[in-house]
Amino acid sequence: MKIENRQQFLLVLTLAAAALLVGVNFIYEPLQNLWSARSAQIRELQAKIESGRKLQLRGPADHKRWNNMLTNSLPSNTSMAEQQLFTALDNWRRSSGAEITSLSPQWKSTSTNHLTLHCRVEATGNLGALSQFLYSLEQGPLGIKVDTAELSAHDLTGQQLTLGLQLSGLALPQPAKK
């Protein structure tokens, strides 16, 4: 090979290597990173679309559940809400045969749009009466949730039991009637 051809060959080879280096570092890798980022973004958006579709399908059931919560929640007037709870507890007590020995309500406001009524209830009776009382409380239409339940015996045979309950109820402002 002649020196001129060798120089031209090395020059062309150097230019090709430089073009390849520039192409890989400044064109191919940025485009690959861009496509990878776009693919990740597309997957994320597709997941959001799927979540939105599921939310749309679940929408009527959610609206029904929310309306049920609104109609069964305690009134936002604290005295009316307490009276409604006390009346319901008295009805459940009479139907079950349990005796309520202690009742201590306490209001908590954690937000501007709702109140929470926490109530400690202690009832005594036999196992059947207390289980019926608890069943009535759970199945009643009132929006009350049992947070904790404690059962203890007062005699050696376990015939006289005490049920301690921590209840919470949600008081929502009632929507304006159309």
Protein backbone atom coordinates (compact mmCIF):
# COMPACT_ATOMS: atom_id res chain seq x y z
CA MET A 1 0.00 0.00 0.00
CA LYS A 2 1.24 3.41 -0.81
CA ILE A 3 1.67 6.02 1.85
CA GLU A 4 -0.92 8.30 0.26
CA ASN A 5 -3.49 5.50 0.16
CA ARG A 6 -2.61 4.54 3.72
CA GLN A 7 -3.04 8.14 4.86
CA GLN A 8 -6.35 8.42 3.04
CA PHE A 9 -7.44 5.09 4.47
CA LEU A 10 -6.48 6.14 8.01
CA LEU A 11 -8.18 9.51 7.52
CA VAL A 12 -11.37 7.82 6.31
CA LEU A 13 -11.14 5.29 9.13
CA THR A 14 -10.62 8.09 11.70
CA LEU A 15 -13.52 10.09 10.29
CA ALA A 16 -15.73 6.98 10.34
CA ALA A 17 -14.75 6.22 13.94
CA ALA A 18 -15.40 9.85 14.94
CA ALA A 19 -18.77 9.79 13.15
CA LEU A 20 -19.64 6.53 14.87
CA LEU A 21 -18.62 7.97 18.25
CA VAL A 22 -20.68 11.12 17.68
CA GLY A 23 -23.61 9.08 16.38
CA VAL A 24 -23.65 6.74 19.37
CA ASN A 25 -23.03 9.33 22.09
CA PHE A 26 -25.01 12.28 20.75
CA ILE A 27 -27.77 10.70 18.65
CA TYR A 28 -28.42 7.04 19.48
CA GLU A 29 -28.18 7.12 23.31
CA PRO A 30 -30.29 10.30 23.76
CA LEU A 31 -32.92 8.91 21.41
CA GLN A 32 -32.87 5.56 23.22
CA ASN A 33 -33.27 7.33 26.59
CA LEU A 34 -36.07 9.46 25.15
CA TRP A 35 -37.91 6.39 23.81
CA SER A 36 -37.45 4.54 27.12
CA ALA A 37 -38.84 7.53 29.04
CA ARG A 38 -41.75 7.81 26.60
CA SER A 39 -42.47 4.08 26.89
CA ALA A 40 -42.52 4.36 30.70
CA GLN A 41 -44.80 7.39 30.47
CA ILE A 42 -47.13 5.55 28.07
CA ARG A 43 -47.31 2.55 30.46
CA GLU A 44 -48.09 4.91 33.34
CA LEU A 45 -50.81 6.67 31.35
CA GLN A 46 -52.30 3.35 30.26
CA ALA A 47 -52.42 2.26 33.91
CA LYS A 48 -54.19 5.54 34.79
CA ILE A 49 -56.66 5.02 31.96
CA GLU A 50 -57.39 1.49 33.19
CA SER A 51 -57.84 2.81 36.72
CA GLY A 52 -60.22 5.46 35.38
CA ARG A 53 -62.24 2.85 33.49
CA LYS A 54 -62.54 0.75 36.65
CA LEU A 55 -63.60 3.85 38.57
CA GLN A 56 -66.25 4.60 35.95
CA LEU A 57 -67.59 1.06 36.15
CA ARG A 58 -67.62 1.23 39.95
CA GLY A 59 -69.17 4.72 39.91
CA PRO A 60 -72.85 3.79 40.32
CA ALA A 61 -72.06 1.47 43.25
CA ASP A 62 -69.93 4.19 44.86
CA HIS A 63 -72.72 6.75 44.44
CA LYS A 64 -75.21 4.33 45.96
CA ARG A 65 -72.86 3.65 48.89
CA TRP A 66 -72.24 7.39 49.42
CA ASN A 67 -75.96 8.15 49.35
CA ASN A 68 -76.49 5.35 51.87
CA MET A 69 -73.78 6.88 54.07
CA LEU A 70 -75.41 10.30 53.79
CA THR A 71 -78.86 9.03 54.70
CA ASN A 72 -77.63 6.81 57.57
CA SER A 73 -75.10 9.23 59.03
CA LEU A 74 -75.84 11.11 62.21
CA PRO A 75 -77.29 14.62 61.91
CA SER A 76 -74.78 17.47 62.15
CA ASN A 77 -76.72 18.88 65.12
CA THR A 78 -74.94 17.32 68.09
CA SER A 79 -77.95 17.11 70.41
CA MET A 80 -80.10 15.51 67.72
CA ALA A 81 -77.32 13.06 66.88
CA GLU A 82 -76.87 12.06 70.53
CA GLN A 83 -80.63 11.66 70.93
CA GLN A 84 -80.79 9.49 67.82
CA LEU A 85 -77.92 7.31 69.11
CA PHE A 86 -79.44 7.00 72.60
CA THR A 87 -82.84 6.06 71.17
CA ALA A 88 -81.26 3.41 68.92
CA LEU A 89 -79.20 2.01 71.82
CA ASP A 90 -82.32 1.86 73.99
CA ASN A 91 -84.26 0.01 71.27
CA TRP A 92 -81.42 -2.48 70.80
CA ARG A 93 -81.17 -2.92 74.58
CA ARG A 94 -84.89 -3.68 74.88
CA SER A 95 -84.93 -6.11 71.96
CA SER A 96 -81.87 -8.02 73.17
CA GLY A 97 -82.46 -8.09 76.92
CA ALA A 98 -79.08 -6.53 77.73
CA GLU A 99 -78.71 -3.71 80.28
CA ILE A 100 -76.67 -0.60 79.52
CA THR A 101 -74.70 0.36 82.62
CA SER A 102 -72.53 3.15 81.26
CA LEU A 103 -72.76 5.54 78.33
CA SER A 104 -70.28 8.36 77.68
CA PRO A 105 -70.42 10.26 74.37
CA GLN A 106 -67.67 12.60 73.19
CA TRP A 107 -67.59 14.73 70.06
CA LYS A 108 -64.46 15.27 67.99
CA SER A 109 -64.05 17.65 65.10
CA THR A 110 -61.13 16.79 62.83
CA SER A 111 -62.43 18.56 59.74
CA THR A 112 -64.65 21.47 58.80
CA ASN A 113 -67.13 19.29 56.93
CA HIS A 114 -67.86 16.52 59.45
CA LEU A 115 -67.96 15.63 63.13
CA THR A 116 -67.23 12.31 64.78
CA LEU A 117 -69.14 11.02 67.80
CA HIS A 118 -67.09 8.63 69.93
CA CYS A 119 -69.10 6.81 72.56
CA ARG A 120 -68.07 4.35 75.25
CA VAL A 121 -70.90 1.89 76.01
CA GLU A 122 -70.91 -0.78 78.70
CA ALA A 123 -73.69 -3.35 78.78
CA THR A 124 -74.29 -6.36 81.00
CA GLY A 125 -76.21 -9.56 80.45
CA ASN A 126 -75.74 -13.16 79.46
CA LEU A 127 -73.93 -14.21 76.30
CA GLY A 128 -77.12 -14.48 74.22
CA ALA A 129 -78.35 -11.00 75.21
CA LEU A 130 -74.99 -9.35 74.58
CA SER A 131 -74.48 -11.08 71.24
CA GLN A 132 -78.01 -10.05 70.16
CA PHE A 133 -77.29 -6.47 71.30
CA LEU A 134 -74.05 -6.40 69.29
CA TYR A 135 -75.75 -7.96 66.26
CA SER A 136 -78.55 -5.38 66.38
CA LEU A 137 -76.02 -2.58 66.65
CA GLU A 138 -74.05 -3.83 63.64
CA GLN A 139 -77.15 -4.48 61.49
CA GLY A 140 -78.99 -1.30 62.41
CA PRO A 141 -79.46 1.47 59.85
CA LEU A 142 -77.56 3.98 61.97
CA GLY A 143 -74.08 4.86 60.72
CA ILE A 144 -72.26 3.50 63.78
CA LYS A 145 -68.99 1.55 63.73
CA VAL A 146 -67.66 -0.64 66.53
CA ASP A 147 -64.01 0.35 67.05
CA THR A 148 -63.26 -1.95 69.98
CA ALA A 149 -65.16 -4.59 71.93
CA GLU A 150 -64.21 -6.11 75.30
CA LEU A 151 -66.01 -8.98 76.96
CA SER A 152 -65.45 -9.88 80.63
CA ALA A 153 -67.13 -12.21 83.12
CA HIS A 154 -68.31 -11.16 86.61
CA ASP A 155 -68.93 -14.59 88.08
CA LEU A 156 -67.14 -17.91 88.09
CA THR A 157 -69.61 -19.62 85.76
CA GLY A 158 -69.55 -16.86 83.12
CA GLN A 159 -73.30 -16.30 83.24
CA GLN A 160 -73.04 -12.55 83.99
CA LEU A 161 -70.93 -10.81 81.34
CA THR A 162 -69.99 -7.20 80.64
CA LEU A 163 -69.54 -5.92 77.11
CA GLY A 164 -67.46 -2.76 76.69
CA LEU A 165 -67.76 -1.08 73.32
CA GLN A 166 -66.04 1.90 71.78
CA LEU A 167 -68.37 3.21 69.06
CA SER A 168 -67.86 5.93 66.51
CA GLY A 169 -70.42 7.62 64.32
CA LEU A 170 -70.03 10.08 61.51
CA ALA A 171 -72.08 13.28 61.46
CA LEU A 172 -72.23 14.77 57.99
CA PRO A 173 -74.03 17.93 56.96
CA GLN A 174 -77.21 16.95 55.21
CA PRO A 175 -77.35 17.93 51.53
CA ALA A 176 -79.82 20.59 50.50
CA LYS A 177 -83.10 19.15 49.24
CA LYS A 178 -83.88 19.91 45.61
